[in-house]
PDB file of N, CA and C in Angstrom:
ATOM      1  N   MET A   1     -16.593  20.530  23.160  1.00  0.00           N
ATOM      2  CA  MET A   1     -18.217  20.515  23.955  1.00  0.00           C
ATOM      3  C   MET A   1     -18.751  19.741  23.166  1.00  0.00           C
ATOM      4  N   ARG A   2     -19.176  20.399  21.770  1.00  0.00           N
ATOM      5  CA  ARG A   2     -20.079  19.007  20.919  1.00  0.00           C
ATOM      6  C   ARG A   2     -19.990  18.111  20.402  1.00  0.00           C
ATOM      7  N   ARG A   3     -18.508  17.681  20.200  1.00  0.00           N
ATOM      8  CA  ARG A   3     -17.989  16.177  20.101  1.00  0.00           C
ATOM      9  C   ARG A   3     -18.125  15.356  21.324  1.00  0.00           C
ATOM     10  N   LEU A   4     -18.229  15.911  22.592  1.00  0.00           N
ATOM     11  CA  LEU A   4     -18.175  15.434  23.686  1.00  0.00           C
ATOM     12  C   LEU A   4     -19.868  14.854  24.235  1.00  0.00           C
ATOM     13  N   LEU A   5     -20.527  15.850  23.773  1.00  0.00           N
ATOM     14  CA  LEU A   5     -21.713  15.775  23.673  1.00  0.00           C
ATOM     15  C   LEU A   5     -22.188  14.518  22.298  1.00  0.00           C
ATOM     16  N   LEU A   6     -22.031  14.747  21.074  1.00  0.00           N
ATOM     17  CA  LEU A   6     -21.872  13.667  20.191  1.00  0.00           C
ATOM     18  C   LEU A   6     -21.917  12.051  20.612  1.00  0.00           C
ATOM     19  N   GLY A   7     -20.941  12.172  21.747  1.00  0.00           N
ATOM     20  CA  GLY A   7     -19.707  10.926  21.620  1.00  0.00           C
ATOM     21  C   GLY A   7     -20.913  10.162  23.002  1.00  0.00           C
ATOM     22  N   LEU A   8     -21.409  11.321  23.402  1.00  0.00           N
ATOM     23  CA  LEU A   8     -22.421  10.492  24.684  1.00  0.00           C
ATOM     24  C   LEU A   8     -23.827  10.039  24.007  1.00  0.00           C
ATOM     25  N   ILE A   9     -24.288  11.262  22.963  1.00  0.00           N
ATOM     26  CA  ILE A   9     -25.125  10.500  22.111  1.00  0.00           C
ATOM     27  C   ILE A   9     -25.007   9.128  22.079  1.00  0.00           C
ATOM     28  N   ALA A  10     -23.827   8.732  21.545  1.00  0.00           N
ATOM     29  CA  ALA A  10     -23.124   7.796  20.274  1.00  0.00           C
ATOM     30  C   ALA A  10     -23.552   6.313  21.833  1.00  0.00           C
ATOM     31  N   LEU A  11     -22.972   6.601  22.870  1.00  0.00           N
ATOM     32  CA  LEU A  11     -22.831   5.996  24.212  1.00  0.00           C
ATOM     33  C   LEU A  11     -24.504   5.429  24.559  1.00  0.00           C
ATOM     34  N   LEU A  12     -25.190   5.921  24.664  1.00  0.00           N
ATOM     35  CA  LEU A  12     -26.725   6.443  24.411  1.00  0.00           C
ATOM     36  C   LEU A  12     -27.430   5.357  24.391  1.00  0.00           C
ATOM     37  N   TYR A  13     -27.461   5.376  23.085  1.00  0.00           N
ATOM     38  CA  TYR A  13     -28.076   4.650  21.975  1.00  0.00           C
ATOM     39  C   TYR A  13     -27.646   3.080  21.628  1.00  0.00           C
ATOM     40  N   ALA A  14     -26.268   3.275  22.575  1.00  0.00           N
ATOM     41  CA  ALA A  14     -25.707   1.703  22.472  1.00  0.00           C
ATOM     42  C   ALA A  14     -26.316   1.175  23.789  1.00  0.00           C
ATOM     43  N   ALA A  15     -26.175   1.769  25.183  1.00  0.00           N
ATOM     44  CA  ALA A  15     -26.925   1.629  26.400  1.00  0.00           C
ATOM     45  C   ALA A  15     -28.507   0.964  26.239  1.00  0.00           C
ATOM     46  N   SER A  16     -29.252   2.242  25.531  1.00  0.00           N
ATOM     47  CA  SER A  16     -30.354   1.478  25.231  1.00  0.00           C
ATOM     48  C   SER A  16     -30.785   0.141  24.403  1.00  0.00           C
ATOM     49  N   ILE A  17     -29.950  -0.135  24.089  1.00  0.00           N
ATOM     50  CA  ILE A  17     -30.150  -1.715  23.439  1.00  0.00           C
ATOM     51  C   ILE A  17     -30.164  -3.457  24.500  1.00  0.00           C
ATOM     52  N   PRO A  18     -31.465  -3.673  24.894  1.00  0.00           N
ATOM     53  CA  PRO A  18     -31.245  -4.719  25.523  1.00  0.00           C
ATOM     54  C   PRO A  18     -29.854  -5.570  25.521  1.00  0.00           C
ATOM     55  N   TRP A  19     -28.575  -5.212  25.046  1.00  0.00           N
ATOM     56  CA  TRP A  19     -28.204  -7.008  24.773  1.00  0.00           C
ATOM     57  C   TRP A  19     -27.627  -7.592  26.322  1.00  0.00           C
ATOM     58  N   TYR A  20     -27.591  -6.859  27.327  1.00  0.00           N
ATOM     59  CA  TYR A  20     -27.159  -7.062  28.436  1.00  0.00           C
ATOM     60  C   TYR A  20     -27.971  -7.982  29.152  1.00  0.00           C
ATOM     61  N   ARG A  21     -28.972  -8.216  28.632  1.00  0.00           N
ATOM     62  CA  ARG A  21     -30.028  -9.216  29.770  1.00  0.00           C
ATOM     63  C   ARG A  21     -29.849 -10.505  29.009  1.00  0.00           C
ATOM     64  N   PRO A  22     -29.699 -11.201  30.299  1.00  0.00           N
ATOM     65  CA  PRO A  22     -29.623 -12.679  29.680  1.00  0.00           C
ATOM     66  C   PRO A  22     -30.537 -13.347  29.235  1.00  0.00           C
ATOM     67  N   THR A  23     -31.111 -14.073  28.582  1.00  0.00           N
ATOM     68  CA  THR A  23     -32.121 -14.915  27.449  1.00  0.00           C
ATOM     69  C   THR A  23     -32.869 -15.436  28.328  1.00  0.00           C
ATOM     70  N   GLY A  24     -34.261 -15.013  28.306  1.00  0.00           N
ATOM     71  CA  GLY A  24     -35.002 -15.367  29.355  1.00  0.00           C
ATOM     72  C   GLY A  24     -35.413 -15.045  30.496  1.00  0.00           C
ATOM     73  N   ALA A  25     -34.477 -13.934  30.964  1.00  0.00           N
ATOM     74  CA  ALA A  25     -34.938 -13.319  32.272  1.00  0.00           C
ATOM     75  C   ALA A  25     -35.995 -12.740  32.309  1.00  0.00           C
ATOM     76  N   GLU A  26     -36.678 -12.459  33.795  1.00  0.00           N
ATOM     77  CA  GLU A  26     -38.161 -12.259  33.898  1.00  0.00           C
ATOM     78  C   GLU A  26     -37.574 -10.632  34.323  1.00  0.00           C
ATOM     79  N   PRO A  27     -38.182  -9.576  33.214  1.00  0.00           N
ATOM     80  CA  PRO A  27     -38.137  -8.324  33.362  1.00  0.00           C
ATOM     81  C   PRO A  27     -38.869  -7.805  34.519  1.00  0.00           C
ATOM     82  N   ALA A  28     -37.932  -6.589  35.362  1.00  0.00           N
ATOM     83  CA  ALA A  28     -39.040  -6.044  36.378  1.00  0.00           C
ATOM     84  C   ALA A  28     -39.528  -4.616  35.849  1.00  0.00           C
ATOM     85  N   LEU A  29     -40.349  -4.568  36.460  1.00  0.00           N
ATOM     86  CA  LEU A  29     -41.332  -3.711  35.808  1.00  0.00           C
ATOM     87  C   LEU A  29     -40.829  -2.158  36.805  1.00  0.00           C
ATOM     88  N   ILE A  30     -40.764  -1.132  35.664  1.00  0.00           N
ATOM     89  CA  ILE A  30     -40.457   0.395  36.255  1.00  0.00           C
ATOM     90  C   ILE A  30     -41.830   1.246  35.434  1.00  0.00           C
ATOM     91  N   LEU A  31     -42.560   1.823  36.404  1.00  0.00           N
ATOM     92  CA  LEU A  31     -43.688   2.612  35.913  1.00  0.00           C
ATOM     93  C   LEU A  31     -44.410   1.658  34.613  1.00  0.00           C
ATOM     94  N   GLY A  32     -44.770   0.458  35.397  1.00  0.00           N
ATOM     95  CA  GLY A  32     -45.768  -0.317  34.344  1.00  0.00           C
ATOM     96  C   GLY A  32     -44.963  -1.013  33.368  1.00  0.00           C
ATOM     97  N   LEU A  33     -43.260  -0.488  32.891  1.00  0.00           N
ATOM     98  CA  LEU A  33     -43.140  -0.929  31.848  1.00  0.00           C
ATOM     99  C   LEU A  33     -41.546  -1.671  32.391  1.00  0.00           C
ATOM    100  N   PRO A  34     -42.007  -3.339  31.570  1.00  0.00           N
ATOM    101  CA  PRO A  34     -40.494  -3.939  31.309  1.00  0.00           C
ATOM    102  C   PRO A  34     -39.046  -2.468  31.400  1.00  0.00           C
ATOM    103  N   ASP A  35     -38.076  -3.204  32.368  1.00  0.00           N
ATOM    104  CA  ASP A  35     -37.076  -2.786  32.607  1.00  0.00           C
ATOM    105  C   ASP A  35     -36.497  -1.399  31.929  1.00  0.00           C
ATOM    106  N   TRP A  36     -36.154  -3.149  30.605  1.00  0.00           N
ATOM    107  CA  TRP A  36     -35.364  -2.696  28.955  1.00  0.00           C
ATOM    108  C   TRP A  36     -36.230  -1.548  28.677  1.00  0.00           C
ATOM    109  N   VAL A  37     -37.738  -1.620  28.567  1.00  0.00           N
ATOM    110  CA  VAL A  37     -37.895  -0.382  28.119  1.00  0.00           C
ATOM    111  C   VAL A  37     -38.124   1.120  28.507  1.00  0.00           C
ATOM    112  N   ALA A  38     -37.877   1.116  29.918  1.00  0.00           N
ATOM    113  CA  ALA A  38     -38.083   2.251  30.602  1.00  0.00           C
ATOM    114  C   ALA A  38     -36.429   2.139  30.330  1.00  0.00           C
ATOM    115  N   ILE A  39     -35.255   1.902  30.199  1.00  0.00           N
ATOM    116  CA  ILE A  39     -34.575   2.348  30.171  1.00  0.00           C
ATOM    117  C   ILE A  39     -33.938   2.642  28.790  1.00  0.00           C
ATOM    118  N   ALA A  40     -34.546   2.299  27.608  1.00  0.00           N
ATOM    119  CA  ALA A  40     -34.236   2.549  26.045  1.00  0.00           C
ATOM    120  C   ALA A  40     -34.976   3.680  25.841  1.00  0.00           C
ATOM    121  N   LEU A  41     -36.314   4.474  26.764  1.00  0.00           N
ATOM    122  CA  LEU A  41     -36.674   5.636  26.547  1.00  0.00           C
ATOM    123  C   LEU A  41     -35.620   6.042  27.435  1.00  0.00           C
ATOM    124  N   ALA A  42     -35.291   6.080  28.474  1.00  0.00           N
ATOM    125  CA  ALA A  42     -34.904   7.511  29.401  1.00  0.00           C
ATOM    126  C   ALA A  42     -33.803   7.395  28.390  1.00  0.00           C
ATOM    127  N   CYS A  43     -33.154   6.757  27.842  1.00  0.00           N
ATOM    128  CA  CYS A  43     -32.215   7.106  26.667  1.00  0.00           C
ATOM    129  C   CYS A  43     -32.346   7.738  25.733  1.00  0.00           C
ATOM    130  N   TYR A  44     -33.394   7.611  25.209  1.00  0.00           N
ATOM    131  CA  TYR A  44     -33.743   8.053  23.897  1.00  0.00           C
ATOM    132  C   TYR A  44     -34.255   9.472  24.611  1.00  0.00           C
ATOM    133  N   ALA A  45     -34.796  10.003  25.311  1.00  0.00           N
ATOM    134  CA  ALA A  45     -35.180  10.978  25.509  1.00  0.00           C
ATOM    135  C   ALA A  45     -33.475  12.010  25.948  1.00  0.00           C
ATOM    136  N   ALA A  46     -32.563  11.009  26.434  1.00  0.00           N
ATOM    137  CA  ALA A  46     -31.139  11.666  26.969  1.00  0.00           C
ATOM    138  C   ALA A  46     -30.637  11.981  25.988  1.00  0.00           C
ATOM    139  N   VAL A  47     -30.838  11.389  24.683  1.00  0.00           N
ATOM    140  CA  VAL A  47     -30.474  11.202  23.391  1.00  0.00           C
ATOM    141  C   VAL A  47     -30.920  13.103  22.591  1.00  0.00           C
ATOM    142  N   ALA A  48     -32.366  12.745  22.983  1.00  0.00           N
ATOM    143  CA  ALA A  48     -33.090  14.787  22.484  1.00  0.00           C
ATOM    144  C   ALA A  48     -32.470  15.835  22.837  1.00  0.00           C
ATOM    145  N   LEU A  49     -32.283  15.569  24.538  1.00  0.00           N
ATOM    146  CA  LEU A  49     -31.663  16.999  25.048  1.00  0.00           C
ATOM    147  C   LEU A  49     -30.384  17.178  24.870  1.00  0.00           C
ATOM    148  N   LEU A  50     -29.558  16.040  24.775  1.00  0.00           N
ATOM    149  CA  LEU A  50     -28.155  16.545  24.427  1.00  0.00           C
ATOM    150  C   LEU A  50     -27.806  16.804  22.828  1.00  0.00           C
ATOM    151  N   ASN A  51     -29.067  16.392  22.424  1.00  0.00           N
ATOM    152  CA  ASN A  51     -28.542  16.602  21.098  1.00  0.00           C
ATOM    153  C   ASN A  51     -29.113  18.134  20.255  1.00  0.00           C
ATOM    154  N   ALA A  52     -30.116  18.753  21.785  1.00  0.00           N
ATOM    155  CA  ALA A  52     -30.609  19.657  21.088  1.00  0.00           C
ATOM    156  C   ALA A  52     -29.686  20.784  21.878  1.00  0.00           C
ATOM    157  N   TRP A  53     -29.153  20.394  22.845  1.00  0.00           N
ATOM    158  CA  TRP A  53     -27.704  21.412  23.363  1.00  0.00           C
ATOM    159  C   TRP A  53     -26.454  20.915  22.315  1.00  0.00           C
ATOM    160  N   ALA A  54     -26.737  20.080  21.722  1.00  0.00           N
ATOM    161  CA  ALA A  54     -25.486  20.305  20.657  1.00  0.00           C
ATOM    162  C   ALA A  54     -25.726  21.182  19.451  1.00  0.00           C
ATOM    163  N   TRP A  55     -26.637  20.989  19.090  1.00  0.00           N
ATOM    164  CA  TRP A  55     -27.207  22.231  18.257  1.00  0.00           C
ATOM    165  C   TRP A  55     -26.983  23.619  18.558  1.00  0.00           C
ATOM    166  N   LEU A  56     -27.631  23.966  20.147  1.00  0.00           N
ATOM    167  CA  LEU A  56     -27.444  25.053  20.607  1.00  0.00           C
ATOM    168  C   LEU A  56     -25.828  25.259  20.405  1.00  0.00           C
ATOM    169  N   LEU A  57     -24.832  24.796  20.346  1.00  0.00           N
ATOM    170  CA  LEU A  57     -23.535  24.828  20.446  1.00  0.00           C
ATOM    171  C   LEU A  57     -22.951  25.518  19.441  1.00  0.00           C
ATOM    172  N   THR A  58     -23.356  25.060  17.961  1.00  0.00           N
ATOM    173  CA  THR A  58     -23.373  25.052  16.853  1.00  0.00           C
ATOM    174  C   THR A  58     -23.910  26.099  16.724  1.00  0.00           C
ATOM    175  N   ASP A  59     -22.710  26.810  15.582  1.00  0.00           N
ATOM    176  CA  ASP A  59     -22.683  28.432  14.654  1.00  0.00           C
ATOM    177  C   ASP A  59     -23.171  27.988  13.426  1.00  0.00           C
ATOM    178  N   VAL A  60     -24.534  28.027  13.259  1.00  0.00           N
ATOM    179  CA  VAL A  60     -25.023  27.645  11.419  1.00  0.00           C
ATOM    180  C   VAL A  60     -24.942  29.153  10.910  1.00  0.00           C
ATOM    181  N   SER A  61     -24.088  29.807  10.050  1.00  0.00           N
ATOM    182  CA  SER A  61     -24.752  30.812   9.047  1.00  0.00           C
ATOM    183  C   SER A  61     -26.116  30.512   8.072  1.00  0.00           C
ATOM    184  N   ASP A  62     -26.596  32.163   8.042  1.00  0.00           N
ATOM    185  CA  ASP A  62     -27.509  31.829   7.163  1.00  0.00           C
ATOM    186  C   ASP A  62     -26.545  32.793   6.010  1.00  0.00           C
ATOM    187  N   SER A  63     -26.299  31.951   5.154  1.00  0.00           N
ATOM    188  CA  SER A  63     -25.669  32.606   4.221  1.00  0.00           C
ATOM    189  C   SER A  63     -25.916  32.437   2.490  1.00  0.00           C
ATOM    190  N   GLY A  64     -27.487  32.530   3.061  1.00  0.00           N
ATOM    191  CA  GLY A  64     -28.461  32.086   1.595  1.00  0.00           C
ATOM    192  C   GLY A  64     -28.165  33.654   0.655  1.00  0.00           C
ATOM    193  N   PRO A  65     -28.911  33.407  -0.278  1.00  0.00           N
ATOM    194  CA  PRO A  65     -28.708  34.561  -1.308  1.00  0.00           C
ATOM    195  C   PRO A  65     -29.604  35.594  -0.328  1.00  0.00           C
ATOM    196  N   SER A  66     -29.217  37.104  -0.600  1.00  0.00           N
ATOM    197  CA  SER A  66     -29.883  38.419   0.203  1.00  0.00           C
ATOM    198  C   SER A  66     -31.148  38.549  -0.648  1.00  0.00           C
ATOM    199  N   VAL A  67     -32.456  39.120  -0.588  1.00  0.00           N
ATOM    200  CA  VAL A  67     -33.323  39.545  -0.745  1.00  0.00           C
ATOM    201  C   VAL A  67     -33.308  41.440  -0.313  1.00  0.00           C
ATOM    202  N   GLU A  68     -33.544  41.431  -1.650  1.00  0.00           N
ATOM    203  CA  GLU A  68     -33.313  43.667  -1.653  1.00  0.00           C
ATOM    204  C   GLU A  68     -34.673  43.630  -2.446  1.00  0.00           C
ATOM    205  N   GLU A  69     -35.039  44.417  -1.244  1.00  0.00           N
ATOM    206  CA  GLU A  69     -36.171  45.058  -1.566  1.00  0.00           C
ATOM    207  C   GLU A  69     -36.532  46.290  -3.119  1.00  0.00           C
ATOM    208  N   ASP A  70     -37.795  45.943  -3.527  1.00  0.00           N
ATOM    209  CA  ASP A  70     -37.775  46.830  -4.749  1.00  0.00           C
ATOM    210  C   ASP A  70     -38.029  48.213  -4.381  1.00  0.00           C
ATOM    211  N   PRO A  71     -37.475  49.559  -5.301  1.00  0.00           N
ATOM    212  CA  PRO A  71     -36.815  50.412  -5.717  1.00  0.00           C
ATOM    213  C   PRO A  71     -38.668  50.846  -5.468  1.00  0.00           C
ATOM    214  N   PRO A  72     -38.439  52.047  -4.276  1.00  0.00           N
ATOM    215  CA  PRO A  72     -40.037  53.158  -4.946  1.00  0.00           C
ATOM    216  C   PRO A  72     -40.599  53.784  -6.082  1.00  0.00           C
TER     217      PRO A  72
END
């Protein structure tokens, strides 16, 4: 599942690049932003959510040195 999420993140980063736009094309406005900006921002927000989900699925062990209490 984690690998799938990381793959989706890579695809979203690729989709956020406006390479698909023809040169000199007039951008449509979405919420007052050019369409390529709105698409990029949506991709980045989705990447943040998928990245958080991938980290929740990752088992991180705290194997640092143990702290022993001073004896009374």
